[in-house]
Amino acid sequence: MQCIALGPLDPAIDLNVLGNLHLGTFDKTSFSMITPDIQNLLLARPHITNVVLFGIEAHICVLQTALALRRPTFRAEPYTTYVIADAISSHNPWEVPIVLQRLAQEGTFVSTSESIGFQLIGDAKHPKFKAFSALIKESMEGTSRAGEVLVTGLKPGQADSPQIKTSL
């Protein structure tokens, strides 16, 4: 995003929790996040082969970023790319299922925050598993609402109506 035009990041977003996974915050004008700064950052870390994406305007920015990672012009091998379905959005909610299908067709793995979280944590013996498990339980209701709205394209509470339940 371009902070000059769109304003600063929302202060409620705590990037510190990412620790060393947060590689920086970058201004951009292109729709893809794979800018020259990001290309250099990735090239300096050849051990990175997997990238997890989430964000707003999925049908534009997330899609173009995923495509750039799947067909990079700055290295020979594509990145294994994941998109978190319940962590993307669009100003037109009906576009979300369309872009998720396109991403899958392009070789991007589409999953959920909970599923990817468990994949990353790997084992209940992981030293951070208890904290992770508590976070999953704490955010369960919000995750369900996000899935209802973002993945199905329905408005909050709409999936609870008897007419919608029979058609889902």
N, C-alpha and C. Protein backbone atom coordinates (compact mmCIF):
# COMPACT_ATOMS: atom_id res chain seq x y z
N MET A 1 0.83 -1.17 0.00
CA MET A 1 0.00 0.00 0.00
C MET A 1 0.87 1.23 0.00
N GLN A 2 0.32 2.31 -0.39
CA GLN A 2 1.06 3.55 -0.40
C GLN A 2 0.58 4.39 0.78
N CYS A 3 1.41 4.48 1.81
CA CYS A 3 1.01 5.17 3.04
C CYS A 3 0.68 6.63 2.81
N ILE A 4 1.36 7.29 1.88
CA ILE A 4 1.10 8.70 1.62
C ILE A 4 -0.35 8.88 1.16
N ALA A 5 -0.82 8.00 0.30
CA ALA A 5 -2.18 8.12 -0.24
C ALA A 5 -3.23 7.49 0.67
N LEU A 6 -2.91 6.37 1.29
CA LEU A 6 -3.91 5.61 2.04
C LEU A 6 -3.81 5.77 3.55
N GLY A 7 -2.78 6.39 4.04
CA GLY A 7 -2.61 6.56 5.48
C GLY A 7 -1.76 5.46 6.06
N PRO A 8 -1.40 5.60 7.35
CA PRO A 8 -0.51 4.61 7.99
C PRO A 8 -1.25 3.31 8.27
N LEU A 9 -0.47 2.29 8.61
CA LEU A 9 -1.05 1.02 9.04
C LEU A 9 -1.93 1.24 10.26
N ASP A 10 -2.95 0.45 10.39
CA ASP A 10 -3.82 0.50 11.56
C ASP A 10 -2.99 0.16 12.79
N PRO A 11 -2.96 1.04 13.80
CA PRO A 11 -2.15 0.75 14.99
C PRO A 11 -2.61 -0.49 15.76
N ALA A 12 -3.82 -0.97 15.49
CA ALA A 12 -4.30 -2.19 16.15
C ALA A 12 -3.57 -3.43 15.62
N ILE A 13 -2.91 -3.31 14.48
CA ILE A 13 -2.15 -4.43 13.92
C ILE A 13 -0.80 -4.47 14.61
N ASP A 14 -0.58 -5.46 15.43
CA ASP A 14 0.64 -5.58 16.21
C ASP A 14 1.66 -6.43 15.45
N LEU A 15 2.51 -5.77 14.70
CA LEU A 15 3.51 -6.48 13.91
C LEU A 15 4.61 -7.08 14.78
N ASN A 16 4.74 -6.61 16.02
CA ASN A 16 5.77 -7.13 16.92
C ASN A 16 5.55 -8.60 17.26
N VAL A 17 4.30 -9.06 17.22
CA VAL A 17 4.04 -10.47 17.55
C VAL A 17 4.66 -11.41 16.52
N LEU A 18 4.97 -10.89 15.34
CA LEU A 18 5.58 -11.72 14.31
C LEU A 18 7.05 -12.00 14.58
N GLY A 19 7.66 -11.24 15.47
CA GLY A 19 9.07 -11.45 15.77
C GLY A 19 9.91 -11.34 14.52
N ASN A 20 10.83 -12.31 14.34
CA ASN A 20 11.72 -12.25 13.18
C ASN A 20 11.03 -12.65 11.87
N LEU A 21 9.74 -13.02 11.94
CA LEU A 21 9.00 -13.29 10.71
C LEU A 21 8.61 -11.99 10.00
N HIS A 22 8.57 -10.90 10.75
CA HIS A 22 8.26 -9.59 10.14
C HIS A 22 9.55 -9.05 9.54
N LEU A 23 9.62 -9.04 8.23
CA LEU A 23 10.83 -8.63 7.53
C LEU A 23 10.82 -7.15 7.15
N GLY A 24 9.74 -6.47 7.42
CA GLY A 24 9.68 -5.04 7.14
C GLY A 24 8.31 -4.62 6.65
N THR A 25 8.11 -3.32 6.62
CA THR A 25 6.89 -2.73 6.07
C THR A 25 7.34 -1.88 4.89
N PHE A 26 6.76 -2.10 3.74
CA PHE A 26 7.23 -1.48 2.51
C PHE A 26 6.10 -0.72 1.81
N ASP A 27 6.40 0.48 1.39
CA ASP A 27 5.48 1.26 0.59
C ASP A 27 5.53 0.72 -0.84
N LYS A 28 4.39 0.72 -1.53
CA LYS A 28 4.37 0.26 -2.91
C LYS A 28 3.26 0.97 -3.68
N THR A 29 3.44 1.05 -4.97
CA THR A 29 2.38 1.56 -5.84
C THR A 29 1.88 0.47 -6.78
N SER A 30 2.67 -0.59 -6.96
CA SER A 30 2.23 -1.70 -7.82
C SER A 30 1.19 -2.51 -7.07
N PHE A 31 0.40 -3.26 -7.81
CA PHE A 31 -0.63 -4.08 -7.18
C PHE A 31 -0.03 -5.33 -6.56
N SER A 32 1.02 -5.88 -7.15
CA SER A 32 1.73 -7.01 -6.57
C SER A 32 2.64 -6.50 -5.47
N MET A 33 2.84 -7.31 -4.45
CA MET A 33 3.77 -6.96 -3.39
C MET A 33 5.20 -7.32 -3.77
N ILE A 34 5.39 -7.99 -4.89
CA ILE A 34 6.73 -8.42 -5.28
C ILE A 34 7.43 -7.27 -6.01
N THR A 35 7.81 -6.29 -5.22
CA THR A 35 8.52 -5.11 -5.69
C THR A 35 10.02 -5.41 -5.72
N PRO A 36 10.84 -4.54 -6.29
CA PRO A 36 12.29 -4.78 -6.24
C PRO A 36 12.83 -4.96 -4.81
N ASP A 37 12.31 -4.19 -3.85
CA ASP A 37 12.75 -4.36 -2.45
C ASP A 37 12.44 -5.77 -1.95
N ILE A 38 11.26 -6.27 -2.25
CA ILE A 38 10.87 -7.61 -1.79
C ILE A 38 11.66 -8.67 -2.54
N GLN A 39 11.89 -8.48 -3.83
CA GLN A 39 12.72 -9.42 -4.58
C GLN A 39 14.10 -9.54 -3.95
N ASN A 40 14.70 -8.40 -3.62
CA ASN A 40 16.04 -8.42 -3.00
C ASN A 40 15.99 -9.10 -1.64
N LEU A 41 14.96 -8.83 -0.88
CA LEU A 41 14.79 -9.44 0.43
C LEU A 41 14.69 -10.96 0.30
N LEU A 42 13.91 -11.43 -0.67
CA LEU A 42 13.75 -12.87 -0.87
C LEU A 42 15.04 -13.50 -1.41
N LEU A 43 15.70 -12.83 -2.33
CA LEU A 43 16.94 -13.37 -2.89
C LEU A 43 18.04 -13.47 -1.82
N ALA A 44 18.01 -12.60 -0.84
CA ALA A 44 18.98 -12.65 0.25
C ALA A 44 18.68 -13.78 1.23
N ARG A 45 17.52 -14.41 1.08
CA ARG A 45 17.11 -15.51 1.96
C ARG A 45 16.71 -16.73 1.10
N PRO A 46 17.67 -17.36 0.45
CA PRO A 46 17.34 -18.48 -0.46
C PRO A 46 16.68 -19.66 0.24
N HIS A 47 16.77 -19.74 1.58
CA HIS A 47 16.12 -20.82 2.32
C HIS A 47 14.60 -20.64 2.35
N ILE A 48 14.11 -19.45 2.05
CA ILE A 48 12.66 -19.22 2.02
C ILE A 48 12.11 -19.78 0.71
N THR A 49 11.27 -20.79 0.82
CA THR A 49 10.66 -21.39 -0.37
C THR A 49 9.14 -21.39 -0.28
N ASN A 50 8.61 -21.08 0.91
CA ASN A 50 7.18 -21.05 1.15
C ASN A 50 6.77 -19.64 1.56
N VAL A 51 5.65 -19.17 1.01
CA VAL A 51 5.15 -17.84 1.35
C VAL A 51 3.66 -17.95 1.65
N VAL A 52 3.24 -17.37 2.78
CA VAL A 52 1.83 -17.35 3.17
C VAL A 52 1.32 -15.93 2.95
N LEU A 53 0.22 -15.83 2.19
CA LEU A 53 -0.35 -14.52 1.85
C LEU A 53 -1.71 -14.32 2.48
N PHE A 54 -2.00 -13.07 2.83
CA PHE A 54 -3.31 -12.65 3.28
C PHE A 54 -3.39 -11.16 3.04
N GLY A 55 -4.59 -10.62 2.95
CA GLY A 55 -4.71 -9.18 2.76
C GLY A 55 -6.04 -8.79 2.17
N ILE A 56 -6.13 -7.50 1.91
CA ILE A 56 -7.37 -6.96 1.36
C ILE A 56 -7.28 -6.87 -0.16
N GLU A 57 -8.41 -6.71 -0.76
CA GLU A 57 -8.54 -6.67 -2.23
C GLU A 57 -7.85 -7.89 -2.85
N ALA A 58 -8.30 -9.05 -2.41
CA ALA A 58 -7.71 -10.33 -2.82
C ALA A 58 -7.73 -10.51 -4.33
N HIS A 59 -8.76 -10.02 -4.98
CA HIS A 59 -8.89 -10.21 -6.42
C HIS A 59 -7.89 -9.34 -7.20
N ILE A 60 -7.20 -8.46 -6.51
CA ILE A 60 -6.20 -7.60 -7.16
C ILE A 60 -4.82 -7.88 -6.57
N CYS A 61 -4.57 -7.38 -5.37
CA CYS A 61 -3.23 -7.42 -4.79
C CYS A 61 -2.78 -8.82 -4.39
N VAL A 62 -3.62 -9.55 -3.69
CA VAL A 62 -3.23 -10.90 -3.27
C VAL A 62 -3.03 -11.79 -4.50
N LEU A 63 -3.94 -11.70 -5.46
CA LEU A 63 -3.83 -12.50 -6.68
C LEU A 63 -2.54 -12.17 -7.42
N GLN A 64 -2.27 -10.89 -7.65
CA GLN A 64 -1.08 -10.54 -8.42
C GLN A 64 0.21 -10.90 -7.68
N THR A 65 0.19 -10.81 -6.37
CA THR A 65 1.37 -11.22 -5.58
C THR A 65 1.57 -12.73 -5.69
N ALA A 66 0.50 -13.49 -5.56
CA ALA A 66 0.61 -14.95 -5.68
C ALA A 66 1.11 -15.35 -7.06
N LEU A 67 0.59 -14.73 -8.10
CA LEU A 67 1.03 -15.05 -9.46
C LEU A 67 2.51 -14.73 -9.64
N ALA A 68 2.95 -13.61 -9.09
CA ALA A 68 4.37 -13.24 -9.19
C ALA A 68 5.27 -14.22 -8.44
N LEU A 69 4.77 -14.80 -7.36
CA LEU A 69 5.54 -15.79 -6.62
C LEU A 69 5.54 -17.15 -7.30
N ARG A 70 4.46 -17.47 -7.97
CA ARG A 70 4.37 -18.75 -8.68
C ARG A 70 5.18 -18.71 -9.97
N ARG A 71 5.34 -17.53 -10.57
CA ARG A 71 6.11 -17.36 -11.82
C ARG A 71 7.12 -16.23 -11.64
N PRO A 72 8.08 -16.40 -10.74
CA PRO A 72 9.00 -15.29 -10.47
C PRO A 72 9.92 -14.99 -11.66
N THR A 73 10.18 -13.73 -11.88
CA THR A 73 11.11 -13.32 -12.93
C THR A 73 12.51 -13.12 -12.37
N PHE A 74 12.66 -13.24 -11.06
CA PHE A 74 13.94 -12.94 -10.41
C PHE A 74 14.66 -14.18 -9.87
N ARG A 75 14.07 -15.36 -10.08
CA ARG A 75 14.73 -16.62 -9.71
C ARG A 75 14.12 -17.75 -10.53
N ALA A 76 14.81 -18.88 -10.58
CA ALA A 76 14.39 -19.97 -11.45
C ALA A 76 13.19 -20.74 -10.93
N GLU A 77 13.14 -20.98 -9.63
CA GLU A 77 12.09 -21.83 -9.06
C GLU A 77 10.93 -21.01 -8.51
N PRO A 78 9.71 -21.51 -8.71
CA PRO A 78 8.56 -20.82 -8.09
C PRO A 78 8.54 -21.06 -6.59
N TYR A 79 7.88 -20.16 -5.89
CA TYR A 79 7.67 -20.33 -4.45
C TYR A 79 6.43 -21.18 -4.24
N THR A 80 6.43 -21.98 -3.18
CA THR A 80 5.22 -22.65 -2.75
C THR A 80 4.41 -21.58 -2.03
N THR A 81 3.23 -21.31 -2.55
CA THR A 81 2.45 -20.17 -2.09
C THR A 81 1.14 -20.64 -1.47
N TYR A 82 0.83 -20.07 -0.31
CA TYR A 82 -0.40 -20.37 0.41
C TYR A 82 -1.20 -19.08 0.57
N VAL A 83 -2.50 -19.17 0.45
CA VAL A 83 -3.39 -18.04 0.73
C VAL A 83 -4.35 -18.47 1.82
N ILE A 84 -4.49 -17.63 2.84
CA ILE A 84 -5.39 -17.91 3.95
C ILE A 84 -6.77 -17.38 3.59
N ALA A 85 -7.69 -18.28 3.30
CA ALA A 85 -9.01 -17.89 2.79
C ALA A 85 -9.79 -17.01 3.76
N ASP A 86 -9.65 -17.25 5.06
CA ASP A 86 -10.40 -16.44 6.02
C ASP A 86 -9.63 -15.19 6.44
N ALA A 87 -8.56 -14.87 5.73
CA ALA A 87 -7.79 -13.66 6.02
C ALA A 87 -7.61 -12.80 4.77
N ILE A 88 -8.54 -12.94 3.84
CA ILE A 88 -8.55 -12.10 2.65
C ILE A 88 -9.93 -11.47 2.53
N SER A 89 -10.00 -10.42 1.75
CA SER A 89 -11.30 -9.77 1.54
C SER A 89 -11.29 -9.05 0.21
N SER A 90 -12.43 -8.51 -0.11
CA SER A 90 -12.61 -7.69 -1.30
C SER A 90 -13.75 -6.73 -1.02
N HIS A 91 -13.73 -5.59 -1.66
CA HIS A 91 -14.86 -4.68 -1.48
C HIS A 91 -16.12 -5.26 -2.12
N ASN A 92 -15.95 -6.23 -2.99
CA ASN A 92 -17.06 -7.00 -3.57
C ASN A 92 -16.93 -8.43 -3.05
N PRO A 93 -17.64 -8.79 -1.98
CA PRO A 93 -17.46 -10.13 -1.39
C PRO A 93 -17.66 -11.28 -2.36
N TRP A 94 -18.46 -11.10 -3.39
CA TRP A 94 -18.69 -12.18 -4.35
C TRP A 94 -17.43 -12.51 -5.15
N GLU A 95 -16.43 -11.62 -5.13
CA GLU A 95 -15.19 -11.89 -5.86
C GLU A 95 -14.27 -12.87 -5.13
N VAL A 96 -14.45 -13.01 -3.82
CA VAL A 96 -13.55 -13.86 -3.04
C VAL A 96 -13.58 -15.31 -3.51
N PRO A 97 -14.75 -15.96 -3.65
CA PRO A 97 -14.71 -17.35 -4.12
C PRO A 97 -14.12 -17.49 -5.53
N ILE A 98 -14.32 -16.48 -6.36
CA ILE A 98 -13.77 -16.52 -7.72
C ILE A 98 -12.25 -16.48 -7.67
N VAL A 99 -11.69 -15.56 -6.86
CA VAL A 99 -10.24 -15.46 -6.79
C VAL A 99 -9.63 -16.68 -6.10
N LEU A 100 -10.32 -17.26 -5.13
CA LEU A 100 -9.80 -18.48 -4.49
C LEU A 100 -9.70 -19.62 -5.50
N GLN A 101 -10.70 -19.73 -6.35
CA GLN A 101 -10.66 -20.76 -7.39
C GLN A 101 -9.51 -20.50 -8.37
N ARG A 102 -9.34 -19.26 -8.77
CA ARG A 102 -8.25 -18.91 -9.70
C ARG A 102 -6.90 -19.19 -9.06
N LEU A 103 -6.73 -18.82 -7.81
CA LEU A 103 -5.47 -19.07 -7.12
C LEU A 103 -5.14 -20.56 -7.08
N ALA A 104 -6.15 -21.38 -6.78
CA ALA A 104 -5.94 -22.84 -6.76
C ALA A 104 -5.56 -23.35 -8.15
N GLN A 105 -6.22 -22.83 -9.18
CA GLN A 105 -5.89 -23.24 -10.55
C GLN A 105 -4.45 -22.87 -10.91
N GLU A 106 -3.94 -21.81 -10.32
CA GLU A 106 -2.58 -21.35 -10.60
C GLU A 106 -1.53 -22.04 -9.74
N GLY A 107 -1.96 -22.97 -8.88
CA GLY A 107 -1.00 -23.73 -8.09
C GLY A 107 -0.77 -23.21 -6.68
N THR A 108 -1.56 -22.23 -6.27
CA THR A 108 -1.47 -21.72 -4.90
C THR A 108 -2.34 -22.60 -4.01
N PHE A 109 -1.84 -22.92 -2.83
CA PHE A 109 -2.62 -23.70 -1.88
C PHE A 109 -3.53 -22.76 -1.11
N VAL A 110 -4.82 -23.02 -1.16
CA VAL A 110 -5.81 -22.22 -0.45
C VAL A 110 -6.21 -22.99 0.80
N SER A 111 -6.07 -22.34 1.94
CA SER A 111 -6.38 -23.01 3.20
C SER A 111 -6.97 -21.99 4.17
N THR A 112 -7.07 -22.37 5.43
CA THR A 112 -7.63 -21.49 6.46
C THR A 112 -6.54 -21.13 7.47
N SER A 113 -6.79 -20.09 8.24
CA SER A 113 -5.81 -19.67 9.24
C SER A 113 -5.53 -20.79 10.24
N GLU A 114 -6.58 -21.47 10.66
CA GLU A 114 -6.39 -22.54 11.63
C GLU A 114 -5.59 -23.69 11.03
N SER A 115 -5.93 -24.08 9.82
CA SER A 115 -5.24 -25.18 9.18
C SER A 115 -3.76 -24.86 8.95
N ILE A 116 -3.47 -23.68 8.45
CA ILE A 116 -2.08 -23.30 8.22
C ILE A 116 -1.34 -23.16 9.54
N GLY A 117 -2.02 -22.63 10.56
CA GLY A 117 -1.39 -22.53 11.88
C GLY A 117 -0.96 -23.88 12.41
N PHE A 118 -1.84 -24.87 12.31
CA PHE A 118 -1.48 -26.22 12.78
C PHE A 118 -0.38 -26.81 11.91
N GLN A 119 -0.39 -26.51 10.62
CA GLN A 119 0.67 -27.00 9.75
C GLN A 119 2.01 -26.40 10.16
N LEU A 120 2.02 -25.13 10.49
CA LEU A 120 3.27 -24.47 10.89
C LEU A 120 3.76 -24.92 12.26
N ILE A 121 2.83 -25.15 13.19
CA ILE A 121 3.23 -25.56 14.54
C ILE A 121 3.70 -27.02 14.54
N GLY A 122 3.07 -27.85 13.70
CA GLY A 122 3.57 -29.18 13.42
C GLY A 122 3.29 -30.28 14.42
N ASP A 123 3.36 -30.00 15.73
CA ASP A 123 3.28 -31.07 16.72
C ASP A 123 2.83 -30.48 18.05
N ALA A 124 2.03 -31.23 18.78
CA ALA A 124 1.58 -30.79 20.10
C ALA A 124 2.75 -30.67 21.08
N LYS A 125 3.88 -31.25 20.74
CA LYS A 125 5.08 -31.15 21.59
C LYS A 125 5.83 -29.83 21.37
N HIS A 126 5.42 -29.07 20.37
CA HIS A 126 6.08 -27.78 20.10
C HIS A 126 5.99 -26.91 21.35
N PRO A 127 7.07 -26.22 21.72
CA PRO A 127 7.05 -25.42 22.95
C PRO A 127 5.99 -24.31 22.96
N LYS A 128 5.53 -23.88 21.83
CA LYS A 128 4.52 -22.81 21.78
C LYS A 128 3.11 -23.35 21.51
N PHE A 129 2.95 -24.68 21.52
CA PHE A 129 1.65 -25.25 21.18
C PHE A 129 0.53 -24.80 22.12
N LYS A 130 0.78 -24.78 23.43
CA LYS A 130 -0.28 -24.40 24.37
C LYS A 130 -0.75 -22.97 24.11
N ALA A 131 0.18 -22.06 23.88
CA ALA A 131 -0.19 -20.67 23.59
C ALA A 131 -0.94 -20.60 22.26
N PHE A 132 -0.48 -21.36 21.28
CA PHE A 132 -1.15 -21.40 19.98
C PHE A 132 -2.56 -21.95 20.13
N SER A 133 -2.72 -23.03 20.87
CA SER A 133 -4.02 -23.65 21.08
C SER A 133 -4.98 -22.69 21.77
N ALA A 134 -4.47 -21.95 22.76
CA ALA A 134 -5.30 -20.96 23.46
C ALA A 134 -5.75 -19.86 22.49
N LEU A 135 -4.86 -19.44 21.60
CA LEU A 135 -5.20 -18.42 20.62
C LEU A 135 -6.28 -18.92 19.66
N ILE A 136 -6.18 -20.17 19.25
CA ILE A 136 -7.18 -20.76 18.35
C ILE A 136 -8.54 -20.76 19.05
N LYS A 137 -8.58 -21.18 20.30
CA LYS A 137 -9.85 -21.21 21.04
C LYS A 137 -10.41 -19.81 21.23
N GLU A 138 -9.53 -18.86 21.55
CA GLU A 138 -9.95 -17.48 21.78
C GLU A 138 -10.52 -16.83 20.52
N SER A 139 -9.97 -17.18 19.37
CA SER A 139 -10.38 -16.53 18.12
C SER A 139 -11.39 -17.35 17.32
N MET A 140 -11.89 -18.45 17.87
CA MET A 140 -12.78 -19.35 17.14
C MET A 140 -14.02 -18.64 16.61
N GLU A 141 -14.68 -17.84 17.44
CA GLU A 141 -15.90 -17.17 17.01
C GLU A 141 -15.61 -16.18 15.88
N GLY A 142 -14.55 -15.40 16.01
CA GLY A 142 -14.18 -14.44 14.97
C GLY A 142 -13.79 -15.13 13.68
N THR A 143 -13.08 -16.25 13.80
CA THR A 143 -12.70 -17.01 12.61
C THR A 143 -13.93 -17.55 11.89
N SER A 144 -14.90 -18.02 12.67
CA SER A 144 -16.15 -18.51 12.07
C SER A 144 -16.88 -17.40 11.34
N ARG A 145 -16.95 -16.22 11.97
CA ARG A 145 -17.61 -15.08 11.31
C ARG A 145 -16.87 -14.68 10.04
N ALA A 146 -15.55 -14.67 10.10
CA ALA A 146 -14.76 -14.30 8.92
C ALA A 146 -15.00 -15.29 7.80
N GLY A 147 -15.04 -16.56 8.12
CA GLY A 147 -15.32 -17.57 7.10
C GLY A 147 -16.69 -17.39 6.50
N GLU A 148 -17.66 -17.11 7.35
CA GLU A 148 -19.03 -16.91 6.89
C GLU A 148 -19.11 -15.74 5.91
N VAL A 149 -18.45 -14.66 6.24
CA VAL A 149 -18.53 -13.46 5.42
C VAL A 149 -17.61 -13.53 4.21
N LEU A 150 -16.35 -13.88 4.41
CA LEU A 150 -15.36 -13.78 3.35
C LEU A 150 -15.39 -14.93 2.37
N VAL A 151 -15.60 -16.13 2.86
CA VAL A 151 -15.55 -17.29 1.96
C VAL A 151 -16.89 -17.52 1.27
N THR A 152 -17.99 -17.39 2.01
CA THR A 152 -19.30 -17.64 1.40
C THR A 152 -19.87 -16.41 0.72
N GLY A 153 -19.34 -15.23 1.07
CA GLY A 153 -19.87 -14.00 0.49
C GLY A 153 -21.15 -13.53 1.17
N LEU A 154 -21.55 -14.19 2.25
CA LEU A 154 -22.77 -13.82 2.96
C LEU A 154 -22.47 -12.73 3.98
N LYS A 155 -23.48 -11.97 4.33
CA LYS A 155 -23.35 -10.96 5.37
C LYS A 155 -23.39 -11.64 6.73
N PRO A 156 -22.80 -10.99 7.76
CA PRO A 156 -22.83 -11.61 9.10
C PRO A 156 -24.24 -11.99 9.51
N GLY A 157 -24.39 -13.22 10.00
CA GLY A 157 -25.68 -13.71 10.46
C GLY A 157 -26.57 -14.25 9.36
N GLN A 158 -26.26 -13.97 8.11
CA GLN A 158 -27.11 -14.41 7.01
C GLN A 158 -27.13 -15.93 6.87
N ALA A 159 -26.02 -16.58 7.19
CA ALA A 159 -25.97 -18.04 7.08
C ALA A 159 -26.87 -18.71 8.12
N ASP A 160 -27.27 -17.96 9.15
CA ASP A 160 -28.14 -18.52 10.19
C ASP A 160 -29.61 -18.55 9.76
N SER A 161 -29.95 -17.86 8.69
CA SER A 161 -31.35 -17.83 8.28
C SER A 161 -31.75 -19.18 7.69
N PRO A 162 -32.98 -19.64 7.96
CA PRO A 162 -33.41 -20.95 7.47
C PRO A 162 -33.36 -21.06 5.94
N GLN A 163 -33.64 -19.97 5.24
CA GLN A 163 -33.62 -20.01 3.78
C GLN A 163 -32.21 -20.28 3.25
N ILE A 164 -31.20 -19.66 3.88
CA ILE A 164 -29.81 -19.83 3.44
C ILE A 164 -29.32 -21.22 3.79
N LYS A 165 -29.62 -21.72 4.99
CA LYS A 165 -29.13 -23.04 5.41
C LYS A 165 -29.57 -24.12 4.44
N THR A 166 -30.78 -24.04 3.93
CA THR A 166 -31.23 -25.08 3.03
C THR A 166 -30.55 -25.00 1.68
N SER A 167 -30.06 -23.82 1.28
CA SER A 167 -29.44 -23.72 -0.02
C SER A 167 -27.93 -23.93 0.03
N LEU A 168 -27.34 -23.87 1.24
CA LEU A 168 -25.91 -24.11 1.35
C LEU A 168 -25.70 -25.59 1.33
